[in-house]
Amino acid sequence: MIGDFRTEFVRQPSAMRAHPALVLNADYRPLSYYPLSLWPWQEAIKAVFLDRVDIVAEYDDYVHSPSCKIRIPSVVVLKDYVKPQKRVAFTRFNLFLRDEFCCQYCGSRGELTFDHVIPRARGGVTSWENIVAACVPCNLKKGSKSLKQARMSLRKPPRAPGAEELRNIGRKFPPGHLHESWMDYLYWDAELDM
């Protein structure tokens, strides 16, 4: 009897990690699409008890305390609106997201690195307007040559993305698992098929 309880107790926390809650802003949009704004079930329940969120949808599973039984939230909405950032940080991840995780020379989605369009050896700077995602073979082929010298061209000119633009690009890359209760909140403004 005690051994069964202990085994169940040890197994349950790892099973509960599979119950993340989608976090929506007060306008019912996800805080972010890529990465998708998810909280572990423990954080979602804590936010409910602190009266910071409302539960919109729940899993069929429960968690128990000595005094109560609670359904695990699958979608929560913040009570206070969080203003989205307008400035996009210049990071490797955001650069790859802007370029939709594909080489800006050949379009491949293989192992990516980044490339200075105007090489640093020729005065090129590290900025949104001069860096693109590139696969390793294209990066090696271009080296420190200009596009003309390397006989290469860009799929689109590099530029600084807006925060909303980056959020919309992130929607194209959903995580490996999307719970059915999340669908109405992730793609509610997508065009409907005719």
N, C-alpha and C. Protein backbone atom coordinates (compact mmCIF):
# COMPACT_ATOMS: atom_id res chain seq x y z
N MET A 1 0.82 -1.19 0.00
CA MET A 1 0.00 0.00 0.00
C MET A 1 0.87 1.25 0.00
N ILE A 2 1.82 1.36 0.94
CA ILE A 2 2.68 2.53 1.01
C ILE A 2 3.54 2.61 -0.24
N GLY A 3 4.04 1.49 -0.72
CA GLY A 3 4.85 1.47 -1.94
C GLY A 3 4.07 1.97 -3.14
N ASP A 4 2.78 1.57 -3.27
CA ASP A 4 1.93 2.03 -4.37
C ASP A 4 1.75 3.54 -4.31
N PHE A 5 1.49 4.08 -3.12
CA PHE A 5 1.30 5.52 -2.96
C PHE A 5 2.57 6.27 -3.36
N ARG A 6 3.72 5.77 -2.91
CA ARG A 6 4.98 6.43 -3.20
C ARG A 6 5.24 6.41 -4.71
N THR A 7 4.98 5.28 -5.37
CA THR A 7 5.18 5.19 -6.82
C THR A 7 4.29 6.19 -7.54
N GLU A 8 3.02 6.26 -7.14
CA GLU A 8 2.08 7.20 -7.76
C GLU A 8 2.52 8.64 -7.51
N PHE A 9 2.97 8.94 -6.31
CA PHE A 9 3.41 10.28 -5.95
C PHE A 9 4.62 10.69 -6.79
N VAL A 10 5.54 9.77 -7.00
CA VAL A 10 6.74 10.06 -7.78
C VAL A 10 6.40 10.24 -9.25
N ARG A 11 5.46 9.47 -9.77
CA ARG A 11 5.11 9.55 -11.18
C ARG A 11 4.26 10.78 -11.52
N GLN A 12 3.39 11.18 -10.64
CA GLN A 12 2.43 12.22 -10.96
C GLN A 12 3.06 13.57 -11.34
N PRO A 13 4.09 14.08 -10.65
CA PRO A 13 4.64 15.37 -11.05
C PRO A 13 5.13 15.40 -12.50
N SER A 14 5.77 14.34 -12.96
CA SER A 14 6.24 14.36 -14.35
C SER A 14 5.07 14.31 -15.31
N ALA A 15 4.00 13.62 -14.97
CA ALA A 15 2.82 13.60 -15.82
C ALA A 15 2.17 14.98 -15.86
N MET A 16 2.22 15.70 -14.76
CA MET A 16 1.59 17.01 -14.70
C MET A 16 2.36 18.06 -15.51
N ARG A 17 3.65 17.81 -15.79
CA ARG A 17 4.41 18.74 -16.62
C ARG A 17 3.83 18.80 -18.03
N ALA A 18 3.05 17.81 -18.39
CA ALA A 18 2.46 17.75 -19.72
C ALA A 18 1.17 18.56 -19.80
N HIS A 19 0.88 19.41 -18.83
CA HIS A 19 -0.34 20.20 -18.80
C HIS A 19 -0.05 21.70 -18.74
N PRO A 20 0.64 22.24 -19.75
CA PRO A 20 0.92 23.67 -19.70
C PRO A 20 -0.36 24.48 -19.96
N ALA A 21 -0.37 25.70 -19.48
CA ALA A 21 -1.50 26.60 -19.71
C ALA A 21 -1.10 27.67 -20.71
N LEU A 22 -1.93 27.86 -21.72
CA LEU A 22 -1.73 28.95 -22.67
C LEU A 22 -2.10 30.25 -21.96
N VAL A 23 -1.20 31.23 -22.02
CA VAL A 23 -1.43 32.50 -21.33
C VAL A 23 -1.82 33.56 -22.35
N LEU A 24 -3.01 34.13 -22.15
CA LEU A 24 -3.52 35.17 -23.04
C LEU A 24 -3.45 36.52 -22.34
N ASN A 25 -3.21 37.55 -23.12
CA ASN A 25 -3.25 38.90 -22.59
C ASN A 25 -4.71 39.25 -22.32
N ALA A 26 -4.98 40.39 -21.72
CA ALA A 26 -6.35 40.77 -21.39
C ALA A 26 -7.22 40.95 -22.65
N ASP A 27 -6.60 41.09 -23.82
CA ASP A 27 -7.35 41.20 -25.08
C ASP A 27 -7.57 39.83 -25.73
N TYR A 28 -7.26 38.76 -25.01
CA TYR A 28 -7.45 37.39 -25.44
C TYR A 28 -6.52 36.97 -26.58
N ARG A 29 -5.39 37.64 -26.71
CA ARG A 29 -4.35 37.22 -27.65
C ARG A 29 -3.19 36.66 -26.84
N PRO A 30 -2.49 35.65 -27.37
CA PRO A 30 -1.32 35.14 -26.64
C PRO A 30 -0.30 36.24 -26.41
N LEU A 31 0.40 36.17 -25.28
CA LEU A 31 1.46 37.15 -25.01
C LEU A 31 2.53 37.08 -26.08
N SER A 32 2.83 35.87 -26.55
CA SER A 32 3.77 35.68 -27.66
C SER A 32 3.40 34.40 -28.39
N TYR A 33 3.75 34.38 -29.67
CA TYR A 33 3.50 33.19 -30.48
C TYR A 33 4.73 32.32 -30.60
N TYR A 34 5.90 32.94 -30.63
CA TYR A 34 7.12 32.15 -30.78
C TYR A 34 8.20 32.76 -29.90
N PRO A 35 8.50 32.20 -28.79
CA PRO A 35 7.89 30.97 -28.27
C PRO A 35 6.48 31.25 -27.77
N LEU A 36 5.65 30.24 -27.86
CA LEU A 36 4.27 30.36 -27.42
C LEU A 36 4.24 30.62 -25.92
N SER A 37 3.39 31.56 -25.51
CA SER A 37 3.33 31.93 -24.09
C SER A 37 2.61 30.84 -23.29
N LEU A 38 3.40 30.02 -22.63
CA LEU A 38 2.89 28.91 -21.84
C LEU A 38 3.44 28.99 -20.43
N TRP A 39 2.62 28.60 -19.47
CA TRP A 39 3.06 28.48 -18.08
C TRP A 39 2.90 27.03 -17.66
N PRO A 40 3.76 26.55 -16.76
CA PRO A 40 3.52 25.23 -16.16
C PRO A 40 2.20 25.29 -15.38
N TRP A 41 1.55 24.16 -15.21
CA TRP A 41 0.25 24.14 -14.54
C TRP A 41 0.32 24.74 -13.14
N GLN A 42 1.48 24.57 -12.46
CA GLN A 42 1.62 25.11 -11.11
C GLN A 42 1.52 26.64 -11.11
N GLU A 43 2.18 27.28 -12.08
CA GLU A 43 2.15 28.74 -12.17
C GLU A 43 0.74 29.23 -12.49
N ALA A 44 0.03 28.51 -13.34
CA ALA A 44 -1.33 28.90 -13.70
C ALA A 44 -2.25 28.84 -12.48
N ILE A 45 -2.14 27.78 -11.71
CA ILE A 45 -2.98 27.65 -10.51
C ILE A 45 -2.61 28.72 -9.48
N LYS A 46 -1.33 28.98 -9.33
CA LYS A 46 -0.89 30.03 -8.41
C LYS A 46 -1.48 31.39 -8.82
N ALA A 47 -1.44 31.69 -10.12
CA ALA A 47 -1.98 32.96 -10.62
C ALA A 47 -3.49 33.05 -10.40
N VAL A 48 -4.19 31.92 -10.48
CA VAL A 48 -5.63 31.91 -10.21
C VAL A 48 -5.88 32.27 -8.75
N PHE A 49 -5.15 31.65 -7.84
CA PHE A 49 -5.33 31.92 -6.41
C PHE A 49 -4.92 33.34 -6.03
N LEU A 50 -3.97 33.93 -6.78
CA LEU A 50 -3.56 35.31 -6.53
C LEU A 50 -4.47 36.31 -7.25
N ASP A 51 -5.48 35.80 -7.94
CA ASP A 51 -6.48 36.60 -8.65
C ASP A 51 -5.85 37.47 -9.74
N ARG A 52 -4.85 36.92 -10.42
CA ARG A 52 -4.19 37.63 -11.52
C ARG A 52 -4.72 37.21 -12.89
N VAL A 53 -5.38 36.04 -12.93
CA VAL A 53 -5.89 35.51 -14.20
C VAL A 53 -7.29 34.93 -14.00
N ASP A 54 -7.99 34.80 -15.11
CA ASP A 54 -9.25 34.06 -15.14
C ASP A 54 -9.02 32.80 -15.95
N ILE A 55 -9.67 31.73 -15.58
CA ILE A 55 -9.57 30.47 -16.31
C ILE A 55 -10.58 30.51 -17.46
N VAL A 56 -10.09 30.22 -18.67
CA VAL A 56 -10.94 30.22 -19.85
C VAL A 56 -11.28 28.79 -20.26
N ALA A 57 -10.32 27.88 -20.12
CA ALA A 57 -10.53 26.47 -20.47
C ALA A 57 -9.72 25.62 -19.50
N GLU A 58 -10.16 24.37 -19.33
CA GLU A 58 -9.51 23.46 -18.38
C GLU A 58 -9.28 22.10 -19.02
N TYR A 59 -8.26 21.42 -18.50
CA TYR A 59 -8.03 20.02 -18.86
C TYR A 59 -9.04 19.16 -18.12
N ASP A 60 -9.14 17.91 -18.50
CA ASP A 60 -10.02 16.98 -17.79
C ASP A 60 -9.38 16.48 -16.50
N ASP A 61 -8.08 16.71 -16.34
CA ASP A 61 -7.34 16.22 -15.17
C ASP A 61 -7.42 17.19 -14.00
N TYR A 62 -7.19 16.64 -12.81
CA TYR A 62 -7.26 17.41 -11.57
C TYR A 62 -5.95 17.32 -10.82
N VAL A 63 -5.74 18.30 -9.94
CA VAL A 63 -4.70 18.20 -8.93
C VAL A 63 -5.41 18.28 -7.58
N HIS A 64 -4.82 17.67 -6.60
CA HIS A 64 -5.45 17.57 -5.28
C HIS A 64 -4.56 18.19 -4.22
N SER A 65 -5.19 18.83 -3.28
CA SER A 65 -4.50 19.26 -2.07
C SER A 65 -5.24 18.56 -0.93
N PRO A 66 -4.78 18.68 0.28
CA PRO A 66 -5.50 18.03 1.39
C PRO A 66 -6.94 18.52 1.53
N SER A 67 -7.21 19.76 1.11
CA SER A 67 -8.54 20.31 1.33
C SER A 67 -9.37 20.56 0.07
N CYS A 68 -8.77 20.43 -1.13
CA CYS A 68 -9.58 20.69 -2.33
C CYS A 68 -9.07 19.93 -3.55
N LYS A 69 -9.92 19.90 -4.56
CA LYS A 69 -9.63 19.25 -5.82
C LYS A 69 -9.85 20.31 -6.90
N ILE A 70 -8.84 20.52 -7.77
CA ILE A 70 -8.89 21.60 -8.75
C ILE A 70 -8.61 21.05 -10.14
N ARG A 71 -9.46 21.45 -11.12
CA ARG A 71 -9.17 21.10 -12.51
C ARG A 71 -8.00 21.94 -12.99
N ILE A 72 -7.15 21.35 -13.79
CA ILE A 72 -5.95 22.03 -14.28
C ILE A 72 -6.33 22.98 -15.42
N PRO A 73 -5.97 24.27 -15.30
CA PRO A 73 -6.28 25.23 -16.37
C PRO A 73 -5.48 24.93 -17.64
N SER A 74 -6.13 25.01 -18.80
CA SER A 74 -5.40 24.85 -20.06
C SER A 74 -5.26 26.19 -20.77
N VAL A 75 -6.17 27.14 -20.49
CA VAL A 75 -6.07 28.50 -21.04
C VAL A 75 -6.43 29.48 -19.93
N VAL A 76 -5.54 30.45 -19.71
CA VAL A 76 -5.82 31.51 -18.73
C VAL A 76 -5.66 32.87 -19.41
N VAL A 77 -6.42 33.84 -18.94
CA VAL A 77 -6.33 35.20 -19.47
C VAL A 77 -5.96 36.15 -18.34
N LEU A 78 -4.98 37.01 -18.60
CA LEU A 78 -4.54 37.98 -17.60
C LEU A 78 -5.65 38.99 -17.32
N LYS A 79 -5.78 39.39 -16.09
CA LYS A 79 -6.78 40.41 -15.73
C LYS A 79 -6.30 41.80 -16.10
N ASP A 80 -4.99 42.02 -16.06
CA ASP A 80 -4.42 43.31 -16.43
C ASP A 80 -3.70 43.18 -17.77
N TYR A 81 -3.94 44.14 -18.66
CA TYR A 81 -3.34 44.13 -19.99
C TYR A 81 -1.84 44.41 -19.89
N VAL A 82 -1.05 43.60 -20.57
CA VAL A 82 0.40 43.80 -20.63
C VAL A 82 0.70 44.39 -22.01
N LYS A 83 1.23 45.60 -22.02
CA LYS A 83 1.51 46.28 -23.28
C LYS A 83 2.65 45.56 -23.99
N PRO A 84 2.43 45.13 -25.25
CA PRO A 84 3.50 44.44 -25.98
C PRO A 84 4.67 45.38 -26.27
N GLN A 85 5.86 44.82 -26.30
CA GLN A 85 7.04 45.63 -26.61
C GLN A 85 6.99 46.06 -28.07
N LYS A 86 7.39 47.28 -28.33
CA LYS A 86 7.43 47.77 -29.71
C LYS A 86 8.80 47.58 -30.32
N ARG A 87 9.81 47.64 -29.49
CA ARG A 87 11.18 47.48 -29.97
C ARG A 87 11.53 45.99 -29.99
N VAL A 88 12.14 45.58 -31.08
CA VAL A 88 12.55 44.18 -31.22
C VAL A 88 14.04 44.10 -30.92
N ALA A 89 14.41 43.26 -29.97
CA ALA A 89 15.83 43.08 -29.62
C ALA A 89 16.57 42.43 -30.79
N PHE A 90 17.76 42.91 -31.04
CA PHE A 90 18.60 42.35 -32.11
C PHE A 90 19.34 41.14 -31.56
N THR A 91 18.71 39.96 -31.72
CA THR A 91 19.29 38.71 -31.23
C THR A 91 19.37 37.71 -32.38
N ARG A 92 20.18 36.71 -32.20
CA ARG A 92 20.30 35.65 -33.21
C ARG A 92 18.94 34.99 -33.45
N PHE A 93 18.22 34.70 -32.37
CA PHE A 93 16.91 34.06 -32.51
C PHE A 93 15.95 34.93 -33.31
N ASN A 94 15.86 36.23 -32.96
CA ASN A 94 14.95 37.13 -33.68
C ASN A 94 15.36 37.30 -35.14
N LEU A 95 16.66 37.27 -35.41
CA LEU A 95 17.14 37.35 -36.79
C LEU A 95 16.66 36.12 -37.57
N PHE A 96 16.83 34.94 -36.99
CA PHE A 96 16.39 33.72 -37.66
C PHE A 96 14.87 33.72 -37.84
N LEU A 97 14.16 34.22 -36.84
CA LEU A 97 12.70 34.30 -36.94
C LEU A 97 12.30 35.27 -38.06
N ARG A 98 12.94 36.44 -38.12
CA ARG A 98 12.65 37.40 -39.20
C ARG A 98 12.83 36.74 -40.57
N ASP A 99 13.88 35.93 -40.71
CA ASP A 99 14.18 35.27 -41.98
C ASP A 99 13.48 33.92 -42.11
N GLU A 100 12.56 33.65 -41.21
CA GLU A 100 11.72 32.44 -41.21
C GLU A 100 12.54 31.15 -41.23
N PHE A 101 13.65 31.18 -40.53
CA PHE A 101 14.51 30.01 -40.34
C PHE A 101 14.95 29.39 -41.67
N CYS A 102 15.20 30.25 -42.66
CA CYS A 102 15.74 29.72 -43.91
C CYS A 102 16.85 30.62 -44.44
N CYS A 103 17.76 30.01 -45.19
CA CYS A 103 18.90 30.71 -45.76
C CYS A 103 18.39 31.78 -46.72
N GLN A 104 18.89 32.98 -46.58
CA GLN A 104 18.44 34.08 -47.45
C GLN A 104 19.14 34.08 -48.80
N TYR A 105 20.02 33.10 -49.02
CA TYR A 105 20.66 32.96 -50.33
C TYR A 105 20.03 31.82 -51.13
N CYS A 106 19.89 30.64 -50.54
CA CYS A 106 19.38 29.49 -51.29
C CYS A 106 18.01 29.00 -50.82
N GLY A 107 17.56 29.45 -49.66
CA GLY A 107 16.24 29.05 -49.17
C GLY A 107 16.22 27.78 -48.36
N SER A 108 17.37 27.15 -48.14
CA SER A 108 17.38 25.89 -47.38
C SER A 108 17.10 26.15 -45.90
N ARG A 109 16.63 25.11 -45.25
CA ARG A 109 16.33 25.20 -43.82
C ARG A 109 17.30 24.33 -43.02
N GLY A 110 18.48 24.14 -43.53
CA GLY A 110 19.47 23.32 -42.85
C GLY A 110 20.09 24.04 -41.67
N GLU A 111 21.29 23.66 -41.34
CA GLU A 111 22.01 24.28 -40.23
C GLU A 111 22.29 25.74 -40.58
N LEU A 112 21.76 26.64 -39.77
CA LEU A 112 21.88 28.07 -40.07
C LEU A 112 22.94 28.76 -39.22
N THR A 113 23.53 29.75 -39.82
CA THR A 113 24.42 30.67 -39.15
C THR A 113 23.99 32.06 -39.63
N PHE A 114 24.76 33.07 -39.38
CA PHE A 114 24.39 34.37 -39.94
C PHE A 114 25.55 34.92 -40.75
N ASP A 115 25.22 35.80 -41.69
CA ASP A 115 26.22 36.34 -42.60
C ASP A 115 26.07 37.85 -42.70
N HIS A 116 27.20 38.54 -42.76
CA HIS A 116 27.21 39.98 -43.02
C HIS A 116 27.11 40.16 -44.53
N VAL A 117 26.06 40.83 -45.01
CA VAL A 117 25.88 41.04 -46.45
C VAL A 117 27.07 41.83 -46.98
N ILE A 118 27.37 42.96 -46.37
CA ILE A 118 28.62 43.67 -46.64
C ILE A 118 29.59 43.17 -45.58
N PRO A 119 30.60 42.42 -45.98
CA PRO A 119 31.50 41.80 -45.00
C PRO A 119 32.14 42.81 -44.06
N ARG A 120 32.38 42.39 -42.85
CA ARG A 120 33.03 43.27 -41.87
C ARG A 120 34.40 43.71 -42.36
N ALA A 121 35.08 42.83 -43.10
CA ALA A 121 36.40 43.18 -43.64
C ALA A 121 36.30 44.34 -44.63
N ARG A 122 35.11 44.61 -45.14
CA ARG A 122 34.89 45.70 -46.09
C ARG A 122 34.08 46.84 -45.47
N GLY A 123 34.04 46.87 -44.13
CA GLY A 123 33.37 47.96 -43.43
C GLY A 123 31.92 47.69 -43.06
N GLY A 124 31.45 46.47 -43.29
CA GLY A 124 30.07 46.13 -42.94
C GLY A 124 29.85 46.12 -41.43
N VAL A 125 28.70 46.56 -41.01
CA VAL A 125 28.39 46.63 -39.58
C VAL A 125 27.44 45.50 -39.19
N THR A 126 27.38 45.23 -37.91
CA THR A 126 26.48 44.22 -37.39
C THR A 126 25.17 44.92 -37.04
N SER A 127 24.19 44.81 -37.94
CA SER A 127 22.91 45.47 -37.75
C SER A 127 21.82 44.68 -38.48
N TRP A 128 20.58 45.00 -38.18
CA TRP A 128 19.45 44.35 -38.85
C TRP A 128 19.58 44.47 -40.37
N GLU A 129 20.08 45.61 -40.85
CA GLU A 129 20.12 45.88 -42.28
C GLU A 129 21.30 45.23 -42.99
N ASN A 130 22.20 44.59 -42.25
CA ASN A 130 23.38 44.00 -42.87
C ASN A 130 23.60 42.53 -42.51
N ILE A 131 22.73 41.95 -41.71
CA ILE A 131 22.91 40.55 -41.30
C ILE A 131 21.72 39.74 -41.81
N VAL A 132 22.01 38.56 -42.33
CA VAL A 132 20.95 37.64 -42.77
C VAL A 132 21.26 36.23 -42.29
N ALA A 133 20.22 35.41 -42.21
CA ALA A 133 20.41 33.99 -41.92
C ALA A 133 20.99 33.33 -43.17
N ALA A 134 21.96 32.47 -42.97
CA ALA A 134 22.60 31.78 -44.09
C ALA A 134 22.94 30.36 -43.68
N CYS A 135 22.79 29.43 -44.62
CA CYS A 135 23.22 28.06 -44.33
C CYS A 135 24.75 28.05 -44.39
N VAL A 136 25.34 27.03 -43.81
CA VAL A 136 26.80 26.96 -43.73
C VAL A 136 27.44 26.94 -45.13
N PRO A 137 26.92 26.12 -46.08
CA PRO A 137 27.55 26.12 -47.42
C PRO A 137 27.51 27.50 -48.11
N CYS A 138 26.38 28.22 -48.02
CA CYS A 138 26.30 29.55 -48.63
C CYS A 138 27.21 30.54 -47.92
N ASN A 139 27.29 30.45 -46.61
CA ASN A 139 28.15 31.35 -45.85
C ASN A 139 29.61 31.13 -46.25
N LEU A 140 30.01 29.87 -46.38
CA LEU A 140 31.39 29.57 -46.79
C LEU A 140 31.65 30.01 -48.22
N LYS A 141 30.66 29.82 -49.10
CA LYS A 141 30.81 30.22 -50.50
C LYS A 141 30.99 31.74 -50.62
N LYS A 142 30.21 32.49 -49.87
CA LYS A 142 30.28 33.95 -49.94
C LYS A 142 31.54 34.48 -49.27
N GLY A 143 31.86 33.93 -48.11
CA GLY A 143 33.06 34.36 -47.41
C GLY A 143 33.08 35.86 -47.19
N SER A 144 34.19 36.51 -47.52
CA SER A 144 34.29 37.96 -47.34
C SER A 144 34.13 38.70 -48.67
N LYS A 145 33.46 38.07 -49.62
CA LYS A 145 33.22 38.70 -50.93
C LYS A 145 31.91 39.48 -50.90
N SER A 146 31.77 40.36 -51.84
CA SER A 146 30.49 41.06 -52.02
C SER A 146 29.52 40.09 -52.70
N LEU A 147 28.24 40.44 -52.69
CA LEU A 147 27.25 39.60 -53.36
C LEU A 147 27.58 39.44 -54.85
N LYS A 148 28.00 40.53 -55.47
CA LYS A 148 28.32 40.50 -56.90
C LYS A 148 29.51 39.58 -57.17
N GLN A 149 30.56 39.72 -56.35
CA GLN A 149 31.75 38.89 -56.53
C GLN A 149 31.44 37.41 -56.31
N ALA A 150 30.57 37.12 -55.36
CA ALA A 150 30.22 35.73 -55.07
C ALA A 150 29.15 35.19 -56.02
N ARG A 151 28.61 36.07 -56.86
CA ARG A 151 27.52 35.72 -57.79
C ARG A 151 26.33 35.12 -57.03
N MET A 152 25.97 35.84 -55.97
CA MET A 152 24.84 35.41 -55.13
C MET A 152 23.86 36.57 -55.00
N SER A 153 22.63 36.24 -54.68
CA SER A 153 21.64 37.29 -54.45
C SER A 153 20.80 36.92 -53.24
N LEU A 154 20.20 37.95 -52.66
CA LEU A 154 19.35 37.75 -51.48
C LEU A 154 17.91 37.50 -51.90
N ARG A 155 17.22 36.68 -51.15
CA ARG A 155 15.81 36.41 -51.39
C ARG A 155 14.97 37.65 -51.07
N LYS A 156 15.36 38.39 -50.04
CA LYS A 156 14.71 39.66 -49.70
C LYS A 156 15.74 40.51 -48.97
N PRO A 157 15.63 41.83 -49.11
CA PRO A 157 16.61 42.69 -48.45
C PRO A 157 16.44 42.67 -46.94
N PRO A 158 17.53 42.66 -46.20
CA PRO A 158 17.43 42.65 -44.73
C PRO A 158 16.99 44.01 -44.20
N ARG A 159 16.14 43.97 -43.16
CA ARG A 159 15.69 45.20 -42.52
C ARG A 159 15.25 44.87 -41.10
N ALA A 160 15.12 45.91 -40.30
CA ALA A 160 14.68 45.73 -38.92
C ALA A 160 13.18 45.40 -38.93
N PRO A 161 12.78 44.31 -38.29
CA PRO A 161 11.36 43.96 -38.26
C PRO A 161 10.62 44.71 -37.15
N GLY A 162 9.35 44.92 -37.34
CA GLY A 162 8.51 45.47 -36.29
C GLY A 162 8.09 44.35 -35.34
N ALA A 163 7.72 44.71 -34.13
CA ALA A 163 7.33 43.70 -33.14
C ALA A 163 6.11 42.90 -33.60
N GLU A 164 5.12 43.59 -34.15
CA GLU A 164 3.91 42.90 -34.62
C GLU A 164 4.24 41.97 -35.79
N GLU A 165 5.11 42.43 -36.69
CA GLU A 165 5.53 41.60 -37.82
C GLU A 165 6.20 40.32 -37.32
N LEU A 166 7.07 40.44 -36.33
CA LEU A 166 7.77 39.28 -35.79
C LEU A 166 6.79 38.33 -35.10
N ARG A 167 5.80 38.88 -34.39
CA ARG A 167 4.77 38.04 -33.76
C ARG A 167 4.00 37.26 -34.81
N ASN A 168 3.66 37.92 -35.93
CA ASN A 168 2.92 37.25 -36.99
C ASN A 168 3.74 36.17 -37.67
N ILE A 169 5.04 36.41 -37.84
CA ILE A 169 5.91 35.37 -38.41
C ILE A 169 5.97 34.19 -37.45
N GLY A 170 6.05 34.47 -36.14
CA GLY A 170 6.11 33.41 -35.14
C GLY A 170 4.89 32.49 -35.19
N ARG A 171 3.75 33.00 -35.62
CA ARG A 171 2.54 32.18 -35.71
C ARG A 171 2.67 31.07 -36.74
N LYS A 172 3.62 31.22 -37.68
CA LYS A 172 3.83 30.20 -38.71
C LYS A 172 4.57 28.98 -38.17
N PHE A 173 5.11 29.10 -36.95
CA PHE A 173 5.94 28.04 -36.39
C PHE A 173 5.37 27.56 -35.06
N PRO A 174 4.23 26.86 -35.10
CA PRO A 174 3.64 26.40 -33.84
C PRO A 174 4.51 25.35 -33.16
N PRO A 175 4.39 25.23 -31.84
CA PRO A 175 5.17 24.20 -31.14
C PRO A 175 4.68 22.81 -31.55
N GLY A 176 5.44 21.80 -31.16
CA GLY A 176 5.11 20.43 -31.53
C GLY A 176 3.77 19.96 -31.01
N HIS A 177 3.32 20.52 -29.90
CA HIS A 177 2.04 20.08 -29.31
C HIS A 177 1.16 21.30 -29.12
N LEU A 178 -0.04 21.24 -29.67
CA LEU A 178 -1.05 22.28 -29.45
C LEU A 178 -2.29 21.59 -28.91
N HIS A 179 -2.68 21.94 -27.71
CA HIS A 179 -3.88 21.35 -27.13
C HIS A 179 -5.10 21.90 -27.84
N GLU A 180 -6.11 21.07 -28.03
CA GLU A 180 -7.32 21.48 -28.76
C GLU A 180 -8.00 22.70 -28.13
N SER A 181 -7.89 22.87 -26.83
CA SER A 181 -8.53 24.01 -26.16
C SER A 181 -7.84 25.34 -26.49
N TRP A 182 -6.64 25.29 -27.08
CA TRP A 182 -5.90 26.50 -27.40
C TRP A 182 -6.26 27.07 -28.77
N MET A 183 -6.78 26.22 -29.67
CA MET A 183 -6.93 26.60 -31.08
C MET A 183 -7.72 27.88 -31.31
N ASP A 184 -8.81 28.06 -30.61
CA ASP A 184 -9.63 29.25 -30.82
C ASP A 184 -8.89 30.53 -30.45
N TYR A 185 -7.88 30.44 -29.62
CA TYR A 185 -7.17 31.63 -29.16
C TYR A 185 -5.89 31.88 -29.94
N LEU A 186 -5.41 30.88 -30.65
CA LEU A 186 -4.18 31.05 -31.41
C LEU A 186 -4.43 31.58 -32.81
N TYR A 187 -5.51 31.15 -33.43
CA TYR A 187 -5.73 31.49 -34.83
C TYR A 187 -7.10 32.10 -35.05
N TRP A 188 -7.63 32.83 -34.09
CA TRP A 188 -8.97 33.39 -34.17
C TRP A 188 -9.09 34.46 -35.25
N ASP A 189 -7.98 35.11 -35.62
CA ASP A 189 -8.07 36.15 -36.64
C ASP A 189 -7.51 35.69 -37.99
N ALA A 190 -7.32 34.36 -38.14
CA ALA A 190 -6.85 33.84 -39.41
C ALA A 190 -8.00 33.82 -40.42
N GLU A 191 -7.64 33.93 -41.71
CA GLU A 191 -8.67 33.91 -42.73
C GLU A 191 -9.31 32.54 -42.79
N LEU A 192 -10.62 32.55 -42.98
CA LEU A 192 -11.37 31.30 -43.09
C LEU A 192 -11.35 30.81 -44.53
N ASP A 193 -11.35 29.50 -44.72
CA ASP A 193 -11.41 28.92 -46.06
C ASP A 193 -12.78 29.14 -46.65
N MET A 194 -12.84 29.42 -47.93
CA MET A 194 -14.13 29.60 -48.62
C MET A 194 -14.53 28.32 -49.31
